[in-house]
Amino acid sequence: MTIKLRPVLKPWQLREATWLRANAGLPWQTPGARGDSDRRVEPLAEVELDGRGLWLTFDVTVLVRAWLAAPADNQGVVIT
């Protein structure tokens, strides 16, 4: 199984977000933030899962630097 980390592109609200909506007035393109406009198509990082009870490590240095330069772009990440 491959675990992928993708930055979220669409702004969402913690108290309003659901499987179907990013916030009360904005649906996800595809439920679960799986659409091309919901999250970045190309994963930021991916790790092959080859066992149970493992720690996974993702290098998010480039993404965090981008968020520091433009904090409004920080919508978090989705793990798929």
Protein backbone atom coordinates (compact mmCIF):
# COMPACT_ATOMS: atom_id res chain seq x y z
CA MET A 1 0.00 0.00 0.00
CA THR A 2 1.29 3.46 -0.87
CA ILE A 3 0.51 6.37 1.47
CA LYS A 4 0.53 9.78 -0.24
CA LEU A 5 0.65 13.25 1.31
CA ARG A 6 -1.02 16.01 -0.71
CA PRO A 7 -1.45 19.69 0.16
CA VAL A 8 -5.07 20.84 0.35
CA LEU A 9 -5.83 23.66 -2.10
CA LYS A 10 -9.39 24.60 -1.20
CA PRO A 11 -10.02 26.73 1.91
CA TRP A 12 -12.06 24.86 4.52
CA GLN A 13 -13.52 25.55 7.95
CA LEU A 14 -12.94 23.21 10.88
CA ARG A 15 -16.46 23.51 12.30
CA GLU A 16 -18.18 23.31 8.91
CA ALA A 17 -16.13 20.82 6.89
CA THR A 18 -17.69 17.44 6.13
CA TRP A 19 -17.02 14.62 3.70
CA LEU A 20 -19.10 16.58 1.14
CA ARG A 21 -18.23 20.21 1.92
CA ALA A 22 -15.14 22.30 2.63
CA ASN A 23 -17.39 24.76 4.45
CA ALA A 24 -21.09 25.59 4.60
CA GLY A 25 -21.12 27.25 1.18
CA LEU A 26 -18.38 25.39 -0.68
CA PRO A 27 -18.60 21.72 -1.70
CA TRP A 28 -15.53 19.64 -2.36
CA GLN A 29 -15.14 18.95 -6.08
CA THR A 30 -15.15 15.27 -5.15
CA PRO A 31 -16.28 14.02 -1.73
CA GLY A 32 -13.46 13.62 0.75
CA ALA A 33 -11.34 16.37 -0.86
CA ARG A 34 -10.33 14.00 -3.65
CA GLY A 35 -10.87 16.32 -6.61
CA ASP A 36 -8.12 18.03 -8.60
CA SER A 37 -9.23 21.44 -7.28
CA ASP A 38 -9.47 20.15 -3.69
CA ARG A 39 -5.90 18.95 -3.26
CA ARG A 40 -2.73 18.93 -5.29
CA VAL A 41 -2.75 16.20 -7.93
CA GLU A 42 0.92 15.31 -7.57
CA PRO A 43 1.72 14.10 -4.06
CA LEU A 44 4.20 16.07 -2.02
CA ALA A 45 5.57 12.79 -0.72
CA GLU A 46 4.73 9.12 -0.75
CA VAL A 47 5.80 6.14 1.30
CA GLU A 48 5.36 2.46 0.57
CA LEU A 49 3.76 0.76 3.57
CA ASP A 50 5.26 -2.68 4.02
CA GLY A 51 4.29 -3.69 7.54
CA ARG A 52 2.21 -2.97 10.62
CA GLY A 53 3.04 -0.78 13.57
CA LEU A 54 5.48 1.38 11.63
CA TRP A 55 6.23 5.07 11.93
CA LEU A 56 5.95 6.92 8.62
CA THR A 57 8.11 9.94 7.90
CA PHE A 58 7.39 12.58 5.26
CA ASP A 59 9.75 15.42 4.34
CA VAL A 60 7.52 18.52 4.31
CA THR A 61 10.33 21.08 4.44
CA VAL A 62 9.51 22.63 1.04
CA LEU A 63 5.81 22.87 1.87
CA VAL A 64 6.40 24.48 5.28
CA ARG A 65 8.76 27.02 3.75
CA ALA A 66 6.09 27.91 1.19
CA TRP A 67 3.52 28.32 3.98
CA LEU A 68 5.90 30.58 5.90
CA ALA A 69 6.28 32.74 2.80
CA ALA A 70 2.49 32.79 2.14
CA PRO A 71 0.58 31.79 5.31
CA ALA A 72 -2.83 32.15 3.66
CA ASP A 73 -1.94 29.22 1.38
CA ASN A 74 -1.73 26.85 4.37
CA GLN A 75 -4.85 24.67 4.12
CA GLY A 76 -3.11 21.63 5.60
CA VAL A 77 -2.53 18.27 3.97
CA VAL A 78 -4.61 15.20 3.20
CA ILE A 79 -3.24 11.70 3.50
CA THR A 80 -4.48 9.31 0.82
